[in-house]
Amino acid sequence: MIATRASRKVIGVRTFRARNGGIGQMCLSHRIRRVFVVVSCVAIAGAVSSAQQRGGITPNEADVIRRFTQAESRLRDARTNYTFRQDVLLQTMAGPSVTGVFHRVSEIIFTDTGQRTERITYFPPSTLRGLVFTQTDLEDLGIIQPFALTAEELPKYNVQMVGREKIDDIDTYVFSVAPKDPNGLAKRRERYFVGRVWVEDQDFMIVKAAGKAGPEIDNNRYPRFETYRENIDGKYWFPTYTYADDVLAFEESDIPVRLVVKYMDYKQFTGNITVLPDDGGSPPESGADDKPPPVQAPPAVEP
């Protein structure tokens, strides 16, 4: 987002030794050790076999990274065959009070000729104070926030496992993600993600991402966000909810903002189509679409 002329700010909305008791006792201890080694090997082999059967084998760090970035690429491509609704709500804040609102609802659809496009269904005039939502912000909604790190982008990043965590009964690996050369990316004006991702340990797909977009240049500022995902059609972990509650530090002043983005009504499109990349009426109806995502949803935001 870019600030109004008065302030010219921009905002992008966008972790045994046994005692020697004699020869007989030593022989017995050796036998016990041999039996223990055999039993341990059998137990380990059984555990590995069981994990392999359920698809939950614990690979090494490099293999997990390879698998989840490849899964991100597949998810990105698969999502281009889906229609969905996107609801973007950005608010400027003064304490608990809302001082300005940007609200945009659109549908990602296919035309009669099979081309993917966006149809805006609700977009009243913005009342944001000191900020303007830009095209870069919209692009981040379609690129940075939904899909944090694909296989094609992996060479640009340092990725490191920082631990494991359970999210709503889902066992995950947690990885830190940061660009190798942020200054070079900034010079080329390439967008990037810095933060953490949570990868479920069965199909190795990201179920949560938290961080921010970059680079912040020309007095652009981007809030830290969290994106949550749901399993769609039993095979794809698509983004369904993005939330940010942050203070943007500009040169002249700080501006608190709150962002909620909902991705709803995923439906797979079938037929002979030409897929185009993500580009990023009546007010939206409340109901089933407002249900929180299955992983640590933050509190709902009042418009």
Protein backbone atom coordinates (compact mmCIF):
# COMPACT_ATOMS: atom_id res chain seq x y z
CA MET A 1 0.00 0.00 0.00
CA ILE A 2 1.12 3.50 -0.66
CA ALA A 3 0.36 6.36 1.68
CA THR A 4 -1.68 9.39 0.80
CA ARG A 5 0.12 12.42 -0.57
CA ALA A 6 0.30 13.99 2.81
CA SER A 7 2.47 11.25 4.25
CA ARG A 8 3.66 9.35 1.16
CA LYS A 9 3.92 6.08 3.03
CA VAL A 10 3.64 2.68 1.47
CA ILE A 11 2.45 -0.49 3.06
CA GLY A 12 2.63 -3.87 1.51
CA VAL A 13 0.06 -6.25 2.68
CA ARG A 14 1.08 -8.23 2.35
CA THR A 15 11.07 -22.36 15.22
CA PHE A 16 27.80 -51.53 32.78
CA ARG A 17 30.03 -51.04 33.50
CA ALA A 18 29.29 -54.20 35.43
CA ARG A 19 31.49 -55.02 38.26
CA ASN A 20 33.89 -57.81 37.45
CA GLY A 21 32.30 -60.74 39.17
CA GLY A 22 34.22 -63.45 37.40
CA ILE A 23 34.38 -65.18 34.06
CA GLY A 24 30.90 -66.68 34.29
CA GLN A 25 29.26 -63.32 35.01
CA MET A 26 31.15 -61.61 32.20
CA CYS A 27 30.04 -64.27 29.71
CA LEU A 28 26.46 -63.78 30.83
CA SER A 29 26.75 -60.02 30.40
CA HIS A 30 28.08 -60.49 26.87
CA ARG A 31 25.12 -62.76 26.07
CA ILE A 32 22.70 -60.24 27.51
CA ARG A 33 24.28 -57.53 25.41
CA ARG A 34 24.03 -59.66 22.27
CA VAL A 35 20.37 -60.39 22.97
CA PHE A 36 19.76 -56.69 23.67
CA VAL A 37 21.42 -55.69 20.39
CA VAL A 38 19.37 -58.22 18.42
CA VAL A 39 16.12 -57.16 20.11
CA SER A 40 16.94 -53.46 19.55
CA CYS A 41 17.67 -54.04 15.87
CA VAL A 42 14.40 -55.93 15.44
CA ALA A 43 12.48 -53.18 17.26
CA ILE A 44 14.08 -50.43 15.19
CA ALA A 45 13.45 -52.31 11.96
CA GLY A 46 9.85 -52.85 12.99
CA ALA A 47 9.40 -49.19 13.83
CA VAL A 48 10.90 -48.11 10.52
CA SER A 49 8.74 -50.60 8.64
CA SER A 50 5.64 -49.37 10.48
CA ALA A 51 6.52 -45.76 9.71
CA GLN A 52 7.12 -46.60 6.07
CA GLN A 53 3.73 -48.33 5.84
CA ARG A 54 1.88 -45.28 7.15
CA GLY A 55 4.03 -42.87 5.14
CA GLY A 56 5.49 -41.26 8.28
CA ILE A 57 9.14 -42.27 8.04
CA THR A 58 11.43 -39.60 9.45
CA PRO A 59 13.82 -38.59 6.67
CA ASN A 60 16.82 -36.35 7.02
CA GLU A 61 16.50 -32.58 6.99
CA ALA A 62 17.53 -32.13 3.37
CA ASP A 63 14.98 -34.72 2.26
CA VAL A 64 12.16 -33.03 4.19
CA ILE A 65 13.07 -29.68 2.60
CA ARG A 66 13.15 -31.22 -0.86
CA ARG A 67 9.80 -32.92 -0.36
CA PHE A 68 7.88 -29.96 1.07
CA THR A 69 9.17 -27.49 -1.52
CA GLN A 70 8.22 -29.90 -4.29
CA ALA A 71 4.80 -30.25 -2.65
CA GLU A 72 4.47 -26.43 -2.62
CA SER A 73 5.08 -26.36 -6.37
CA ARG A 74 2.43 -29.03 -6.92
CA LEU A 75 -0.04 -27.19 -4.68
CA ARG A 76 0.57 -23.91 -6.50
CA ASP A 77 -0.07 -25.57 -9.84
CA ALA A 78 -3.08 -27.53 -8.56
CA ARG A 79 -4.67 -24.36 -7.17
CA THR A 80 -4.72 -22.84 -10.65
CA ASN A 81 -7.35 -25.47 -11.49
CA TYR A 82 -9.63 -24.29 -8.71
CA THR A 83 -12.13 -21.47 -8.42
CA PHE A 84 -12.45 -19.76 -5.05
CA ARG A 85 -13.55 -16.59 -3.30
CA GLN A 86 -11.09 -14.14 -1.75
CA ASP A 87 -12.12 -11.68 0.97
CA VAL A 88 -9.54 -9.02 1.91
CA LEU A 89 -10.14 -6.78 4.93
CA LEU A 90 -7.48 -4.26 6.00
CA GLN A 91 -8.03 -1.84 8.86
CA THR A 92 -6.00 1.04 10.27
CA MET A 93 -6.29 1.23 14.04
CA ALA A 94 -6.05 3.72 16.91
CA GLY A 95 -6.03 1.60 20.04
CA PRO A 96 -9.15 -0.59 19.91
CA SER A 97 -10.89 1.72 17.42
CA VAL A 98 -10.96 1.22 13.66
CA THR A 99 -9.99 4.44 11.84
CA GLY A 100 -10.12 3.23 8.24
CA VAL A 101 -11.14 0.23 6.17
CA PHE A 102 -10.14 -1.35 2.85
CA HIS A 103 -12.50 -4.19 1.94
CA ARG A 104 -12.35 -6.11 -1.34
CA VAL A 105 -14.15 -9.35 -2.20
CA SER A 106 -13.52 -11.16 -5.46
CA GLU A 107 -13.97 -14.51 -7.16
CA ILE A 108 -11.26 -16.36 -9.02
CA ILE A 109 -13.13 -17.95 -11.92
CA PHE A 110 -12.77 -19.31 -15.45
CA THR A 111 -14.26 -17.54 -18.43
CA ASP A 112 -16.20 -19.27 -21.20
CA THR A 113 -12.95 -19.49 -23.16
CA GLY A 114 -11.22 -21.26 -20.27
CA GLN A 115 -9.13 -18.34 -19.09
CA ARG A 116 -8.64 -17.77 -15.40
CA THR A 117 -9.59 -14.33 -14.19
CA GLU A 118 -10.67 -12.35 -11.15
CA ARG A 119 -14.18 -10.90 -10.82
CA ILE A 120 -14.64 -8.25 -8.14
CA THR A 121 -17.98 -8.63 -6.35
CA TYR A 122 -17.64 -6.11 -3.50
CA PHE A 123 -15.31 -3.12 -3.35
CA PRO A 124 -16.56 0.02 -1.59
CA PRO A 125 -14.34 3.13 -1.48
CA SER A 126 -11.40 2.81 0.88
CA THR A 127 -11.42 4.86 4.08
CA LEU A 128 -7.87 3.97 5.16
CA ARG A 129 -6.02 6.71 7.01
CA GLY A 130 -2.65 7.54 5.44
CA LEU A 131 -2.35 4.30 3.47
CA VAL A 132 -3.21 3.11 -0.01
CA PHE A 133 -3.49 -0.54 -0.99
CA THR A 134 -1.27 -1.13 -4.07
CA GLN A 135 -0.98 -3.69 -6.86
CA THR A 136 2.06 -5.16 -5.09
CA ASP A 137 -0.12 -5.83 -2.06
CA LEU A 138 -2.61 -7.72 -4.22
CA GLU A 139 0.20 -9.72 -5.80
CA ASP A 140 1.47 -10.70 -2.36
CA LEU A 141 -1.98 -12.10 -1.57
CA GLY A 142 -1.59 -14.44 -4.53
CA ILE A 143 2.10 -15.28 -4.20
CA ILE A 144 3.91 -14.61 -0.92
CA GLN A 145 1.19 -15.29 1.62
CA PRO A 146 -0.48 -18.39 0.12
CA PHE A 147 2.68 -20.26 -0.93
CA ALA A 148 5.79 -19.48 1.06
CA LEU A 149 8.50 -21.53 -0.67
CA THR A 150 8.36 -23.60 -3.88
CA ALA A 151 11.05 -25.84 -5.35
CA GLU A 152 11.78 -23.23 -8.01
CA GLU A 153 12.46 -20.59 -5.32
CA LEU A 154 14.46 -22.87 -2.99
CA PRO A 155 17.95 -21.98 -4.37
CA LYS A 156 17.37 -18.38 -3.24
CA TYR A 157 16.80 -19.33 0.41
CA ASN A 158 18.50 -20.62 3.52
CA VAL A 159 16.20 -23.18 5.11
CA GLN A 160 16.92 -24.80 8.47
CA MET A 161 14.95 -27.14 10.69
CA VAL A 162 14.44 -25.60 14.12
CA GLY A 163 12.29 -28.24 15.81
CA ARG A 164 9.01 -30.10 15.86
CA GLU A 165 5.58 -28.98 17.00
CA LYS A 166 2.05 -30.38 17.22
CA ILE A 167 -0.69 -28.17 15.76
CA ASP A 168 -4.24 -29.38 16.35
CA ASP A 169 -3.15 -33.02 16.52
CA ILE A 170 -0.96 -32.60 13.44
CA ASP A 171 2.72 -33.43 13.95
CA THR A 172 4.89 -30.94 12.10
CA TYR A 173 8.48 -30.06 11.35
CA VAL A 174 9.28 -26.36 11.86
CA PHE A 175 11.70 -24.60 9.50
CA SER A 176 13.17 -21.11 9.48
CA VAL A 177 13.27 -19.51 6.03
CA ALA A 178 15.35 -16.50 4.95
CA PRO A 179 16.72 -15.28 1.61
CA LYS A 180 20.42 -15.91 0.96
CA ASP A 181 20.90 -12.53 -0.72
CA PRO A 182 18.14 -10.12 0.31
CA ASN A 183 20.05 -7.11 -1.01
CA GLY A 184 20.41 -8.72 -4.43
CA LEU A 185 16.72 -9.58 -4.50
CA ALA A 186 15.89 -6.03 -3.48
CA LYS A 187 18.01 -4.59 -6.29
CA ARG A 188 16.16 -6.81 -8.76
CA ARG A 189 12.88 -5.93 -7.03
CA GLU A 190 12.06 -9.59 -6.51
CA ARG A 191 9.58 -10.41 -3.76
CA TYR A 192 10.62 -12.82 -1.01
CA PHE A 193 9.44 -14.43 2.21
CA VAL A 194 11.23 -14.48 5.56
CA GLY A 195 9.83 -16.37 8.55
CA ARG A 196 8.90 -19.92 9.49
CA VAL A 197 6.86 -22.74 7.99
CA TRP A 198 5.23 -25.75 9.64
CA VAL A 199 5.33 -28.96 7.57
CA GLU A 200 3.08 -31.93 8.42
CA ASP A 201 5.03 -35.18 8.67
CA GLN A 202 2.82 -37.45 6.53
CA ASP A 203 2.56 -35.86 3.08
CA PHE A 204 5.18 -33.18 3.78
CA MET A 205 2.97 -30.20 2.97
CA ILE A 206 3.03 -26.82 4.69
CA VAL A 207 0.06 -26.32 7.01
CA LYS A 208 1.07 -22.95 8.43
CA ALA A 209 3.41 -20.09 7.50
CA ALA A 210 4.35 -17.07 9.62
CA GLY A 211 6.58 -14.16 8.64
CA LYS A 212 6.58 -11.19 6.31
CA ALA A 213 7.16 -10.22 2.72
CA GLY A 214 10.10 -8.21 1.45
CA PRO A 215 11.92 -6.20 0.36
CA GLU A 216 10.87 -3.01 2.12
CA ILE A 217 12.05 -0.31 -0.26
CA ASP A 218 10.88 3.22 -1.12
CA ASN A 219 9.38 3.49 2.37
CA ASN A 220 7.24 0.40 1.80
CA ARG A 221 6.23 -1.47 4.94
CA TYR A 222 4.75 -4.95 5.27
CA PRO A 223 3.05 -6.48 8.32
CA ARG A 224 4.00 -9.80 9.83
CA PHE A 225 1.33 -12.33 8.98
CA GLU A 226 0.25 -15.89 9.67
CA THR A 227 -1.35 -18.05 6.99
CA TYR A 228 -3.29 -21.17 7.91
CA ARG A 229 -4.36 -23.98 5.61
CA GLU A 230 -7.07 -26.60 5.32
CA ASN A 231 -7.08 -29.92 3.57
CA ILE A 232 -9.17 -29.52 0.40
CA ASP A 233 -10.61 -32.55 -1.40
CA GLY A 234 -8.58 -34.81 0.90
CA LYS A 235 -5.29 -34.13 -0.89
CA TYR A 236 -4.36 -30.44 -1.04
CA TRP A 237 -3.43 -28.18 1.86
CA PHE A 238 -4.64 -24.86 0.43
CA PRO A 239 -4.49 -21.51 2.26
CA THR A 240 -7.79 -20.51 3.82
CA TYR A 241 -6.96 -17.78 6.34
CA THR A 242 -4.30 -15.05 6.66
CA TYR A 243 -4.09 -12.82 9.70
CA ALA A 244 -1.87 -9.86 10.61
CA ASP A 245 -1.93 -7.49 13.58
CA ASP A 246 1.14 -5.28 13.43
CA VAL A 247 2.50 -1.74 13.69
CA LEU A 248 4.12 -0.39 10.52
CA ALA A 249 7.08 1.85 11.30
CA PHE A 250 7.29 4.62 8.70
CA GLU A 251 9.75 7.49 8.63
CA GLU A 252 7.25 10.02 9.98
CA SER A 253 5.04 7.87 12.19
CA ASP A 254 3.89 4.40 13.17
CA ILE A 255 0.57 3.05 11.87
CA PRO A 256 -1.15 0.07 13.53
CA VAL A 257 -2.92 -2.19 11.02
CA ARG A 258 -4.98 -5.34 11.12
CA LEU A 259 -5.43 -7.64 8.14
CA VAL A 260 -7.72 -10.62 7.56
CA VAL A 261 -7.78 -12.52 4.27
CA LYS A 262 -10.16 -15.45 3.71
CA TYR A 263 -9.88 -17.91 0.84
CA MET A 264 -13.22 -19.74 0.55
CA ASP A 265 -15.40 -22.02 -1.56
CA TYR A 266 -12.65 -23.96 -3.33
CA LYS A 267 -14.09 -25.86 -6.28
CA GLN A 268 -12.07 -27.79 -8.83
CA PHE A 269 -12.63 -26.77 -12.44
CA THR A 270 -12.58 -29.55 -15.03
CA GLY A 271 -12.41 -29.27 -18.78
CA ASN A 272 -10.08 -28.07 -21.49
CA ILE A 273 -8.68 -24.84 -20.11
CA THR A 274 -5.75 -22.49 -20.37
CA VAL A 275 -4.45 -21.73 -16.88
CA LEU A 276 -3.22 -18.22 -16.05
CA PRO A 277 -1.23 -17.39 -12.88
CA ASP A 278 -2.82 -15.80 -9.82
CA ASP A 279 -3.27 -12.07 -10.06
CA GLY A 280 -3.13 -11.84 -6.74
CA GLY A 281 -21.46 -5.75 -5.65
CA SER A 282 -23.11 -7.01 -2.50
CA PRO A 283 -21.29 -7.38 0.79
CA PRO A 284 -20.19 -10.97 1.56
CA GLU A 285 -22.68 -13.13 3.38
CA SER A 286 -21.78 -14.57 6.74
CA GLY A 287 -22.21 -18.22 7.50
CA ALA A 288 -20.24 -21.38 6.88
CA ASP A 289 -17.45 -19.40 5.20
CA ASP A 290 -16.66 -17.72 8.51
CA LYS A 291 -15.63 -20.90 10.28
CA PRO A 292 -12.04 -20.71 11.57
CA PRO A 293 -9.30 -22.80 9.98
CA PRO A 294 -8.31 -26.05 11.68
CA VAL A 295 -4.98 -24.76 12.99
CA GLN A 296 -4.73 -22.16 15.76
CA ALA A 297 -7.07 -19.58 14.25
CA PRO A 298 -6.66 -16.10 15.75
CA PRO A 299 -9.68 -14.23 17.06
CA ALA A 300 -12.19 -12.95 14.50
CA VAL A 301 -11.93 -9.32 13.47
CA GLU A 302 -14.91 -7.05 13.59
CA PRO A 303 -15.31 -5.03 10.35
